[in-house]
């Protein structure tokens, strides 16, 4: 039995670097050579750990989903107020109109636009990722309802779906070049559904 050489790199750091590249450029525009350079890997190390560009891409989407949902859950716990948490998420999008990561959008929604409809495996990962985001919003809405911040007659799951689709649209407007004040005004209209 042949035993491969031990890995001489941190797979998590390499995965995060690849995720950032895919997020910025998309799948098709990220060449294998560019991935190897960004991840700091040789071809043999790349194939030993990640098998293929497509397999790596799947792992990057899942990594993004986990990173974002963990960040959202932590933020919700720290905030203490379900409604305040939701408000801050939407108002923070306005600040994505400038800076080094401006107009990157949501990686999951970018992937959905790029080719989720032509790749069943990617479509499944995108769908489960969106469900994860909806789940966090639903938890926040139910918390806000228990806190008396959102009326209990609103259906939490439907409202969570609305917020995720609205967030996607808002981020796409940022990608399209909308300015900060425009995004703030739209965010306020979206958030009025919570009143």
N, C-alpha and C. Protein backbone atom coordinates (compact mmCIF):
# COMPACT_ATOMS: atom_id res chain seq x y z
N UNK A 1 0.85 -1.18 0.00
CA UNK A 1 0.00 0.00 0.00
C UNK A 1 0.89 1.24 0.00
N UNK A 2 0.60 2.17 -0.90
CA UNK A 2 1.38 3.40 -0.98
C UNK A 2 0.78 4.45 -0.05
N UNK A 3 1.65 5.05 0.73
CA UNK A 3 1.20 6.10 1.64
C UNK A 3 1.68 7.44 1.08
N UNK A 4 0.75 8.36 0.88
CA UNK A 4 1.10 9.67 0.33
C UNK A 4 1.93 10.47 1.32
N UNK A 5 2.63 11.45 0.79
CA UNK A 5 3.41 12.34 1.66
C UNK A 5 2.47 13.11 2.58
N UNK A 6 2.90 13.42 3.79
CA UNK A 6 2.04 14.17 4.69
C UNK A 6 1.78 15.58 4.15
N UNK A 7 0.59 16.09 4.44
CA UNK A 7 0.23 17.42 3.98
C UNK A 7 1.09 18.46 4.71
N UNK A 8 1.65 19.38 3.97
CA UNK A 8 2.53 20.39 4.55
C UNK A 8 1.89 21.76 4.51
N UNK A 9 0.57 21.82 4.60
CA UNK A 9 -0.14 23.10 4.58
C UNK A 9 -1.37 22.97 5.46
N UNK A 10 -1.93 24.09 5.84
CA UNK A 10 -3.16 24.10 6.65
C UNK A 10 -4.35 24.05 5.69
N UNK A 11 -5.08 22.94 5.64
CA UNK A 11 -6.20 22.81 4.69
C UNK A 11 -7.27 23.89 4.89
N UNK A 12 -7.48 24.31 6.14
CA UNK A 12 -8.51 25.32 6.41
C UNK A 12 -8.12 26.68 5.83
N UNK A 13 -6.85 27.03 5.95
CA UNK A 13 -6.36 28.29 5.39
C UNK A 13 -6.44 28.25 3.87
N UNK A 14 -6.05 27.11 3.29
CA UNK A 14 -6.11 26.95 1.83
C UNK A 14 -7.56 27.02 1.33
N UNK A 15 -8.47 26.39 2.07
CA UNK A 15 -9.89 26.40 1.70
C UNK A 15 -10.45 27.82 1.76
N UNK A 16 -10.10 28.56 2.80
CA UNK A 16 -10.58 29.93 2.94
C UNK A 16 -10.04 30.81 1.80
N UNK A 17 -8.78 30.62 1.42
CA UNK A 17 -8.19 31.39 0.32
C UNK A 17 -8.92 31.10 -0.99
N UNK A 18 -9.23 29.82 -1.22
CA UNK A 18 -9.96 29.44 -2.44
C UNK A 18 -11.36 30.04 -2.42
N UNK A 19 -12.02 29.98 -1.26
CA UNK A 19 -13.36 30.55 -1.14
C UNK A 19 -13.36 32.03 -1.51
N UNK A 20 -12.36 32.77 -1.01
CA UNK A 20 -12.28 34.20 -1.31
C UNK A 20 -12.12 34.44 -2.81
N UNK A 21 -11.32 33.61 -3.48
CA UNK A 21 -11.12 33.76 -4.92
C UNK A 21 -12.41 33.46 -5.68
N UNK A 22 -13.06 32.34 -5.37
CA UNK A 22 -14.32 31.99 -6.02
C UNK A 22 -15.38 33.07 -5.77
N UNK A 23 -15.40 33.60 -4.56
CA UNK A 23 -16.38 34.62 -4.19
C UNK A 23 -16.18 35.89 -5.03
N UNK A 24 -14.92 36.27 -5.22
CA UNK A 24 -14.62 37.48 -5.99
C UNK A 24 -14.84 37.27 -7.49
N UNK A 25 -14.43 36.12 -8.02
CA UNK A 25 -14.36 35.95 -9.47
C UNK A 25 -15.37 34.97 -10.05
N UNK A 26 -15.95 34.11 -9.21
CA UNK A 26 -16.84 33.07 -9.73
C UNK A 26 -16.05 31.83 -10.11
N UNK A 27 -16.75 30.77 -10.43
CA UNK A 27 -16.12 29.48 -10.73
C UNK A 27 -15.36 29.50 -12.05
N UNK A 28 -16.05 29.90 -13.11
CA UNK A 28 -15.46 29.83 -14.44
C UNK A 28 -14.23 30.73 -14.58
N UNK A 29 -14.26 31.90 -13.93
CA UNK A 29 -13.16 32.86 -14.08
C UNK A 29 -11.98 32.57 -13.16
N UNK A 30 -12.12 31.58 -12.28
CA UNK A 30 -11.01 31.21 -11.39
C UNK A 30 -10.28 30.00 -11.98
N UNK A 31 -9.10 30.24 -12.55
CA UNK A 31 -8.36 29.15 -13.19
C UNK A 31 -7.69 28.28 -12.14
N UNK A 32 -7.35 27.05 -12.53
CA UNK A 32 -6.66 26.15 -11.61
C UNK A 32 -5.33 26.76 -11.19
N UNK A 33 -4.61 27.36 -12.11
CA UNK A 33 -3.32 27.97 -11.79
C UNK A 33 -3.47 29.08 -10.77
N UNK A 34 -4.52 29.86 -10.93
CA UNK A 34 -4.80 30.96 -9.99
C UNK A 34 -5.14 30.40 -8.61
N UNK A 35 -5.91 29.32 -8.59
CA UNK A 35 -6.25 28.67 -7.32
C UNK A 35 -5.00 28.14 -6.63
N UNK A 36 -4.13 27.48 -7.38
CA UNK A 36 -2.90 26.94 -6.80
C UNK A 36 -2.04 28.06 -6.20
N UNK A 37 -1.95 29.15 -6.93
CA UNK A 37 -1.16 30.30 -6.47
C UNK A 37 -1.77 30.92 -5.21
N UNK A 38 -3.10 31.12 -5.24
CA UNK A 38 -3.81 31.72 -4.11
C UNK A 38 -3.74 30.85 -2.87
N UNK A 39 -3.85 29.54 -3.07
CA UNK A 39 -3.85 28.60 -1.95
C UNK A 39 -2.44 28.23 -1.49
N UNK A 40 -1.44 28.57 -2.33
CA UNK A 40 -0.05 28.23 -1.99
C UNK A 40 0.22 26.74 -2.08
N UNK A 41 -0.40 26.08 -3.07
CA UNK A 41 -0.28 24.63 -3.19
C UNK A 41 0.35 24.21 -4.51
N UNK A 42 0.98 23.04 -4.47
CA UNK A 42 1.42 22.39 -5.71
C UNK A 42 0.22 21.62 -6.26
N UNK A 43 0.31 21.22 -7.52
CA UNK A 43 -0.78 20.43 -8.12
C UNK A 43 -1.01 19.14 -7.35
N UNK A 44 0.07 18.47 -6.97
CA UNK A 44 -0.07 17.19 -6.28
C UNK A 44 -0.76 17.36 -4.93
N UNK A 45 -0.38 18.40 -4.18
CA UNK A 45 -1.03 18.66 -2.89
C UNK A 45 -2.50 19.00 -3.07
N UNK A 46 -2.78 19.79 -4.13
CA UNK A 46 -4.16 20.18 -4.42
C UNK A 46 -5.03 18.94 -4.67
N UNK A 47 -4.57 18.08 -5.58
CA UNK A 47 -5.38 16.90 -5.93
C UNK A 47 -5.43 15.89 -4.78
N UNK A 48 -4.38 15.82 -3.99
CA UNK A 48 -4.37 14.89 -2.85
C UNK A 48 -5.44 15.29 -1.83
N UNK A 49 -5.60 16.58 -1.60
CA UNK A 49 -6.52 17.05 -0.57
C UNK A 49 -7.91 17.36 -1.11
N UNK A 50 -8.01 17.97 -2.30
CA UNK A 50 -9.29 18.49 -2.77
C UNK A 50 -9.86 17.77 -4.00
N UNK A 51 -9.13 16.85 -4.58
CA UNK A 51 -9.59 16.00 -5.70
C UNK A 51 -9.75 16.72 -7.03
N UNK A 52 -10.51 17.81 -7.05
CA UNK A 52 -10.75 18.52 -8.32
C UNK A 52 -11.20 19.95 -8.02
N UNK A 53 -11.18 20.77 -9.05
CA UNK A 53 -11.65 22.15 -8.90
C UNK A 53 -13.13 22.17 -8.49
N UNK A 54 -13.91 21.30 -9.11
CA UNK A 54 -15.35 21.24 -8.83
C UNK A 54 -15.61 20.80 -7.39
N UNK A 55 -14.87 19.80 -6.94
CA UNK A 55 -15.01 19.32 -5.56
C UNK A 55 -14.61 20.41 -4.57
N UNK A 56 -13.55 21.13 -4.88
CA UNK A 56 -13.11 22.25 -4.04
C UNK A 56 -14.19 23.32 -4.00
N UNK A 57 -14.79 23.61 -5.14
CA UNK A 57 -15.83 24.63 -5.22
C UNK A 57 -17.00 24.29 -4.30
N UNK A 58 -17.42 23.03 -4.32
CA UNK A 58 -18.51 22.59 -3.45
C UNK A 58 -18.15 22.83 -1.98
N UNK A 59 -16.93 22.47 -1.62
CA UNK A 59 -16.49 22.65 -0.24
C UNK A 59 -16.43 24.12 0.13
N UNK A 60 -16.07 24.97 -0.83
CA UNK A 60 -15.99 26.41 -0.58
C UNK A 60 -17.38 27.01 -0.32
N UNK A 61 -18.38 26.56 -1.07
CA UNK A 61 -19.75 27.05 -0.84
C UNK A 61 -20.21 26.63 0.56
N UNK A 62 -19.95 25.38 0.91
CA UNK A 62 -20.34 24.89 2.24
C UNK A 62 -19.59 25.62 3.34
N UNK A 63 -18.32 25.93 3.07
CA UNK A 63 -17.51 26.69 4.03
C UNK A 63 -18.08 28.09 4.22
N UNK A 64 -18.49 28.72 3.13
CA UNK A 64 -19.09 30.06 3.19
C UNK A 64 -20.38 30.01 3.99
N UNK A 65 -21.22 29.02 3.70
CA UNK A 65 -22.49 28.89 4.41
C UNK A 65 -22.26 28.75 5.92
N UNK A 66 -21.32 27.88 6.30
CA UNK A 66 -21.03 27.66 7.71
C UNK A 66 -20.49 28.92 8.36
N UNK A 67 -19.59 29.60 7.66
CA UNK A 67 -18.99 30.83 8.17
C UNK A 67 -20.06 31.90 8.40
N UNK A 68 -20.95 32.06 7.41
CA UNK A 68 -21.97 33.10 7.50
C UNK A 68 -23.03 32.78 8.55
N UNK A 69 -23.49 31.53 8.59
CA UNK A 69 -24.51 31.19 9.59
C UNK A 69 -23.94 31.27 11.01
N UNK A 70 -22.70 30.85 11.19
CA UNK A 70 -22.07 30.97 12.52
C UNK A 70 -21.97 32.44 12.93
N UNK A 71 -21.57 33.28 11.98
CA UNK A 71 -21.44 34.72 12.25
C UNK A 71 -22.80 35.32 12.61
N UNK A 72 -23.83 34.93 11.88
CA UNK A 72 -25.18 35.44 12.15
C UNK A 72 -25.67 34.99 13.53
N UNK A 73 -25.47 33.71 13.85
CA UNK A 73 -25.92 33.19 15.15
C UNK A 73 -25.21 33.87 16.31
N UNK A 74 -23.90 34.07 16.15
CA UNK A 74 -23.12 34.76 17.19
C UNK A 74 -23.61 36.19 17.37
N UNK A 75 -23.87 36.86 16.25
CA UNK A 75 -24.35 38.23 16.29
C UNK A 75 -25.72 38.31 16.97
N UNK A 76 -26.59 37.35 16.67
CA UNK A 76 -27.92 37.31 17.29
C UNK A 76 -27.81 37.11 18.80
N UNK A 77 -26.94 36.20 19.21
CA UNK A 77 -26.76 35.93 20.64
C UNK A 77 -26.23 37.17 21.37
N UNK A 78 -25.27 37.85 20.75
CA UNK A 78 -24.67 39.05 21.37
C UNK A 78 -25.66 40.20 21.42
N UNK A 79 -26.49 40.30 20.39
CA UNK A 79 -27.42 41.43 20.29
C UNK A 79 -28.49 41.37 21.36
N UNK A 80 -29.05 40.18 21.56
CA UNK A 80 -30.09 40.03 22.57
C UNK A 80 -31.48 40.38 22.08
N UNK A 81 -31.59 41.22 21.07
CA UNK A 81 -32.88 41.61 20.50
C UNK A 81 -32.98 41.08 19.08
N UNK A 82 -34.00 40.27 18.83
CA UNK A 82 -34.18 39.71 17.50
C UNK A 82 -34.38 40.77 16.44
N UNK A 83 -35.20 41.78 16.74
CA UNK A 83 -35.48 42.82 15.76
C UNK A 83 -34.26 43.70 15.52
N UNK A 84 -33.54 44.03 16.57
CA UNK A 84 -32.33 44.84 16.44
C UNK A 84 -31.28 44.12 15.60
N UNK A 85 -31.17 42.80 15.79
CA UNK A 85 -30.25 41.98 15.01
C UNK A 85 -30.58 42.07 13.52
N UNK A 86 -31.86 41.92 13.18
CA UNK A 86 -32.29 41.98 11.78
C UNK A 86 -32.03 43.39 11.20
N UNK A 87 -32.40 44.40 11.97
CA UNK A 87 -32.17 45.78 11.53
C UNK A 87 -30.70 46.04 11.22
N UNK A 88 -29.84 45.59 12.11
CA UNK A 88 -28.40 45.85 11.93
C UNK A 88 -27.87 45.12 10.70
N UNK A 89 -28.33 43.89 10.44
CA UNK A 89 -27.89 43.16 9.25
C UNK A 89 -28.21 43.93 7.98
N UNK A 90 -29.44 44.45 7.90
CA UNK A 90 -29.85 45.16 6.69
C UNK A 90 -29.16 46.52 6.56
N UNK A 91 -29.00 47.22 7.66
CA UNK A 91 -28.33 48.52 7.58
C UNK A 91 -26.84 48.36 7.27
N UNK A 92 -26.25 47.24 7.68
CA UNK A 92 -24.83 47.01 7.40
C UNK A 92 -24.56 46.84 5.90
N UNK A 93 -25.56 46.41 5.15
CA UNK A 93 -25.38 46.25 3.70
C UNK A 93 -25.01 47.58 3.05
N UNK A 94 -25.53 48.67 3.61
CA UNK A 94 -25.23 50.00 3.07
C UNK A 94 -23.73 50.30 3.11
N UNK A 95 -23.05 49.71 4.09
CA UNK A 95 -21.61 49.97 4.23
C UNK A 95 -20.77 49.07 3.32
N UNK A 96 -21.44 48.16 2.60
CA UNK A 96 -20.74 47.32 1.63
C UNK A 96 -20.57 48.04 0.29
N UNK A 97 -21.09 49.27 0.21
CA UNK A 97 -20.98 50.02 -1.05
C UNK A 97 -19.59 50.62 -1.23
N UNK A 98 -18.75 50.52 -0.20
CA UNK A 98 -17.37 51.01 -0.32
C UNK A 98 -16.44 50.04 0.39
N UNK A 99 -15.14 50.17 0.15
CA UNK A 99 -14.17 49.29 0.79
C UNK A 99 -13.69 48.21 -0.14
N UNK A 100 -12.69 47.42 0.33
CA UNK A 100 -12.06 46.41 -0.54
C UNK A 100 -12.99 45.28 -0.98
N UNK A 101 -14.02 44.98 -0.17
CA UNK A 101 -14.94 43.89 -0.52
C UNK A 101 -16.24 44.40 -1.14
N UNK A 102 -16.24 45.68 -1.53
CA UNK A 102 -17.46 46.26 -2.09
C UNK A 102 -17.93 45.47 -3.31
N UNK A 103 -19.22 45.30 -3.39
CA UNK A 103 -19.88 44.69 -4.55
C UNK A 103 -19.53 43.22 -4.78
N UNK A 104 -19.13 42.51 -3.71
CA UNK A 104 -18.90 41.07 -3.86
C UNK A 104 -20.21 40.28 -3.76
N UNK A 105 -21.20 40.86 -3.10
CA UNK A 105 -22.48 40.18 -2.97
C UNK A 105 -22.42 39.00 -2.01
N UNK A 106 -23.43 38.16 -2.09
CA UNK A 106 -23.49 36.93 -1.29
C UNK A 106 -22.98 35.79 -2.18
N UNK A 107 -21.99 35.07 -1.70
CA UNK A 107 -21.40 34.01 -2.52
C UNK A 107 -22.44 32.97 -2.95
N UNK A 108 -23.33 32.59 -2.05
CA UNK A 108 -24.34 31.58 -2.38
C UNK A 108 -25.24 32.06 -3.51
N UNK A 109 -25.69 33.32 -3.41
CA UNK A 109 -26.56 33.86 -4.47
C UNK A 109 -25.78 34.08 -5.77
N UNK A 110 -24.50 34.43 -5.66
CA UNK A 110 -23.66 34.55 -6.86
C UNK A 110 -23.58 33.21 -7.59
N UNK A 111 -23.40 32.15 -6.80
CA UNK A 111 -23.31 30.80 -7.37
C UNK A 111 -24.63 30.40 -8.03
N UNK A 112 -25.73 30.75 -7.35
CA UNK A 112 -27.06 30.44 -7.92
C UNK A 112 -27.21 31.11 -9.28
N UNK A 113 -26.75 32.35 -9.38
CA UNK A 113 -26.84 33.08 -10.65
C UNK A 113 -25.89 32.51 -11.70
N UNK A 114 -24.72 32.04 -11.25
CA UNK A 114 -23.72 31.57 -12.21
C UNK A 114 -24.10 30.26 -12.87
N UNK A 115 -24.43 29.23 -12.07
CA UNK A 115 -24.78 27.97 -12.75
C UNK A 115 -25.49 26.93 -11.88
N UNK A 116 -26.15 27.34 -10.82
CA UNK A 116 -26.84 26.35 -9.99
C UNK A 116 -27.90 25.57 -10.76
N UNK A 117 -28.51 26.20 -11.75
CA UNK A 117 -29.56 25.52 -12.51
C UNK A 117 -29.02 24.47 -13.48
N UNK A 118 -27.71 24.49 -13.72
CA UNK A 118 -27.13 23.53 -14.67
C UNK A 118 -26.33 22.43 -13.97
N UNK A 119 -26.27 22.48 -12.65
CA UNK A 119 -25.48 21.50 -11.89
C UNK A 119 -26.29 21.08 -10.67
N UNK A 120 -26.90 19.89 -10.71
CA UNK A 120 -27.77 19.46 -9.61
C UNK A 120 -27.10 19.45 -8.24
N UNK A 121 -25.83 19.05 -8.18
CA UNK A 121 -25.13 19.01 -6.90
C UNK A 121 -24.95 20.41 -6.33
N UNK A 122 -24.54 21.35 -7.17
CA UNK A 122 -24.38 22.74 -6.74
C UNK A 122 -25.74 23.31 -6.35
N UNK A 123 -26.77 23.00 -7.14
CA UNK A 123 -28.12 23.49 -6.85
C UNK A 123 -28.58 23.03 -5.46
N UNK A 124 -28.24 21.77 -5.11
CA UNK A 124 -28.62 21.24 -3.80
C UNK A 124 -27.89 21.98 -2.67
N UNK A 125 -26.60 22.26 -2.88
CA UNK A 125 -25.81 22.98 -1.87
C UNK A 125 -26.34 24.40 -1.71
N UNK A 126 -26.66 25.05 -2.83
CA UNK A 126 -27.22 26.42 -2.79
C UNK A 126 -28.54 26.41 -2.02
N UNK A 127 -29.40 25.45 -2.35
CA UNK A 127 -30.71 25.36 -1.70
C UNK A 127 -30.59 25.16 -0.20
N UNK A 128 -29.72 24.24 0.22
CA UNK A 128 -29.56 23.98 1.66
C UNK A 128 -28.91 25.17 2.36
N UNK A 129 -28.06 25.91 1.64
CA UNK A 129 -27.45 27.11 2.21
C UNK A 129 -28.50 28.18 2.45
N UNK A 130 -29.37 28.38 1.47
CA UNK A 130 -30.44 29.37 1.62
C UNK A 130 -31.35 28.99 2.79
N UNK A 131 -31.64 27.69 2.92
CA UNK A 131 -32.46 27.23 4.05
C UNK A 131 -31.78 27.53 5.38
N UNK A 132 -30.46 27.42 5.43
CA UNK A 132 -29.72 27.73 6.66
C UNK A 132 -29.88 29.19 7.04
N UNK A 133 -29.82 30.07 6.03
CA UNK A 133 -29.99 31.51 6.29
C UNK A 133 -31.42 31.80 6.75
N UNK A 134 -32.39 31.15 6.11
CA UNK A 134 -33.80 31.32 6.49
C UNK A 134 -34.00 30.87 7.93
N UNK A 135 -33.37 29.76 8.30
CA UNK A 135 -33.49 29.24 9.67
C UNK A 135 -33.05 30.27 10.71
N UNK A 136 -31.92 30.94 10.44
CA UNK A 136 -31.42 31.94 11.41
C UNK A 136 -32.38 33.11 11.50
N UNK A 137 -32.88 33.58 10.36
CA UNK A 137 -33.84 34.68 10.40
C UNK A 137 -35.12 34.27 11.14
N UNK A 138 -35.55 33.03 10.95
CA UNK A 138 -36.76 32.56 11.64
C UNK A 138 -36.55 32.56 13.16
N UNK A 139 -35.37 32.12 13.59
CA UNK A 139 -35.05 32.14 15.03
C UNK A 139 -35.11 33.58 15.55
N UNK A 140 -34.53 34.51 14.79
CA UNK A 140 -34.53 35.92 15.21
C UNK A 140 -35.94 36.49 15.27
N UNK A 141 -36.77 36.15 14.29
CA UNK A 141 -38.15 36.65 14.25
C UNK A 141 -38.94 36.10 15.43
N UNK A 142 -38.81 34.80 15.69
CA UNK A 142 -39.53 34.20 16.83
C UNK A 142 -39.06 34.80 18.15
N UNK A 143 -37.78 35.08 18.24
CA UNK A 143 -37.25 35.72 19.44
C UNK A 143 -37.86 37.12 19.59
N UNK A 144 -37.91 37.85 18.47
CA UNK A 144 -38.50 39.20 18.49
C UNK A 144 -39.98 39.15 18.84
N UNK A 145 -40.66 38.11 18.40
CA UNK A 145 -42.09 37.96 18.75
C UNK A 145 -42.26 37.70 20.24
N UNK A 146 -41.37 36.87 20.80
CA UNK A 146 -41.43 36.60 22.24
C UNK A 146 -41.10 37.86 23.05
N UNK A 147 -40.28 38.72 22.47
CA UNK A 147 -39.87 39.96 23.13
C UNK A 147 -40.86 41.10 22.89
N UNK A 148 -41.91 40.82 22.11
CA UNK A 148 -42.92 41.83 21.82
C UNK A 148 -42.49 42.87 20.80
N UNK A 149 -41.43 42.58 20.03
CA UNK A 149 -40.92 43.53 19.03
C UNK A 149 -41.59 43.34 17.67
N UNK A 150 -42.07 42.14 17.40
CA UNK A 150 -42.79 41.83 16.17
C UNK A 150 -44.09 41.14 16.59
N UNK A 151 -45.20 41.51 15.98
CA UNK A 151 -46.48 40.93 16.39
C UNK A 151 -46.52 39.43 16.10
N UNK A 152 -47.17 38.70 16.98
CA UNK A 152 -47.19 37.24 16.89
C UNK A 152 -48.08 36.73 15.76
N UNK A 153 -48.89 37.63 15.15
CA UNK A 153 -49.76 37.17 14.06
C UNK A 153 -49.01 37.04 12.72
N UNK A 154 -47.77 37.50 12.67
CA UNK A 154 -46.96 37.35 11.45
C UNK A 154 -46.36 35.95 11.42
N UNK A 155 -46.41 35.31 10.25
CA UNK A 155 -45.85 33.97 10.11
C UNK A 155 -44.32 34.07 10.03
N UNK A 156 -43.64 33.53 11.04
CA UNK A 156 -42.19 33.68 11.15
C UNK A 156 -41.43 33.09 9.96
N UNK A 157 -41.87 31.92 9.49
CA UNK A 157 -41.15 31.27 8.39
C UNK A 157 -41.31 32.07 7.09
N UNK A 158 -42.51 32.53 6.82
CA UNK A 158 -42.75 33.32 5.60
C UNK A 158 -41.97 34.63 5.65
N UNK A 159 -41.94 35.26 6.82
CA UNK A 159 -41.21 36.51 6.98
C UNK A 159 -39.70 36.27 6.81
N UNK A 160 -39.23 35.12 7.30
CA UNK A 160 -37.80 34.77 7.13
C UNK A 160 -37.46 34.59 5.66
N UNK A 161 -38.35 33.93 4.89
CA UNK A 161 -38.16 33.80 3.45
C UNK A 161 -38.09 35.18 2.79
N UNK A 162 -38.99 36.05 3.18
CA UNK A 162 -39.03 37.41 2.64
C UNK A 162 -37.72 38.15 2.91
N UNK A 163 -37.22 38.03 4.14
CA UNK A 163 -35.98 38.74 4.50
C UNK A 163 -34.77 38.22 3.72
N UNK A 164 -34.69 36.91 3.52
CA UNK A 164 -33.56 36.35 2.76
C UNK A 164 -33.63 36.79 1.30
N UNK A 165 -34.82 36.75 0.71
CA UNK A 165 -34.94 37.18 -0.69
C UNK A 165 -34.67 38.67 -0.82
N UNK A 166 -35.09 39.45 0.18
CA UNK A 166 -34.85 40.90 0.17
C UNK A 166 -33.37 41.21 0.34
N UNK A 167 -32.71 40.45 1.22
CA UNK A 167 -31.27 40.64 1.42
C UNK A 167 -30.50 40.35 0.13
N UNK A 168 -30.93 39.30 -0.56
CA UNK A 168 -30.30 38.94 -1.83
C UNK A 168 -30.45 40.08 -2.84
N UNK A 169 -31.65 40.63 -2.94
CA UNK A 169 -31.90 41.73 -3.87
C UNK A 169 -31.09 42.97 -3.51
N UNK A 170 -31.00 43.23 -2.22
CA UNK A 170 -30.25 44.40 -1.75
C UNK A 170 -28.76 44.27 -2.09
N UNK A 171 -28.22 43.08 -1.87
CA UNK A 171 -26.80 42.85 -2.18
C UNK A 171 -26.55 42.93 -3.69
N UNK A 172 -27.52 42.49 -4.48
CA UNK A 172 -27.37 42.60 -5.93
C UNK A 172 -27.39 44.06 -6.37
N UNK A 173 -28.17 44.89 -5.68
CA UNK A 173 -28.19 46.32 -5.99
C UNK A 173 -26.84 46.96 -5.67
N UNK A 174 -26.22 46.51 -4.56
CA UNK A 174 -24.87 46.99 -4.21
C UNK A 174 -23.90 46.59 -5.32
N UNK A 175 -23.99 45.34 -5.78
CA UNK A 175 -23.13 44.87 -6.87
C UNK A 175 -23.34 45.70 -8.13
N UNK A 176 -24.57 46.16 -8.31
CA UNK A 176 -24.90 46.96 -9.48
C UNK A 176 -24.49 48.43 -9.36
N UNK A 177 -23.94 48.79 -8.19
CA UNK A 177 -23.42 50.14 -8.03
C UNK A 177 -24.29 51.13 -7.28
N UNK A 178 -25.37 50.64 -6.62
CA UNK A 178 -26.24 51.54 -5.85
C UNK A 178 -25.44 52.21 -4.72
N UNK A 179 -25.75 53.47 -4.45
CA UNK A 179 -25.00 54.19 -3.42
C UNK A 179 -25.58 53.91 -2.02
N UNK A 180 -24.84 54.35 -1.02
CA UNK A 180 -25.17 54.06 0.38
C UNK A 180 -26.56 54.56 0.77
N UNK A 181 -26.88 55.79 0.40
CA UNK A 181 -28.18 56.36 0.79
C UNK A 181 -29.34 55.61 0.16
N UNK A 182 -29.16 55.19 -1.09
CA UNK A 182 -30.20 54.41 -1.77
C UNK A 182 -30.43 53.09 -1.04
N UNK A 183 -29.34 52.41 -0.69
CA UNK A 183 -29.44 51.13 0.03
C UNK A 183 -30.11 51.32 1.39
N UNK A 184 -29.77 52.38 2.08
CA UNK A 184 -30.40 52.66 3.39
C UNK A 184 -31.90 52.84 3.25
N UNK A 185 -32.32 53.59 2.24
CA UNK A 185 -33.76 53.83 2.03
C UNK A 185 -34.49 52.53 1.71
N UNK A 186 -33.88 51.71 0.85
CA UNK A 186 -34.51 50.42 0.50
C UNK A 186 -34.58 49.52 1.73
N UNK A 187 -33.50 49.49 2.51
CA UNK A 187 -33.47 48.67 3.72
C UNK A 187 -34.59 49.06 4.67
N UNK A 188 -34.83 50.35 4.81
CA UNK A 188 -35.90 50.82 5.71
C UNK A 188 -37.27 50.36 5.24
N UNK A 189 -37.47 50.35 3.92
CA UNK A 189 -38.75 49.87 3.38
C UNK A 189 -38.90 48.38 3.65
N UNK A 190 -37.83 47.61 3.42
CA UNK A 190 -37.87 46.16 3.69
C UNK A 190 -38.19 45.91 5.16
N UNK A 191 -37.54 46.64 6.04
CA UNK A 191 -37.69 46.43 7.47
C UNK A 191 -39.06 46.85 8.00
N UNK A 192 -39.77 47.68 7.22
CA UNK A 192 -41.11 48.09 7.65
C UNK A 192 -42.07 46.90 7.73
N UNK A 193 -41.72 45.80 7.05
CA UNK A 193 -42.54 44.58 7.12
C UNK A 193 -42.53 43.97 8.53
N UNK A 194 -41.55 44.35 9.33
CA UNK A 194 -41.47 43.81 10.69
C UNK A 194 -42.39 44.56 11.66
N UNK A 195 -42.83 45.75 11.25
CA UNK A 195 -43.67 46.58 12.16
C UNK A 195 -45.10 46.09 12.25
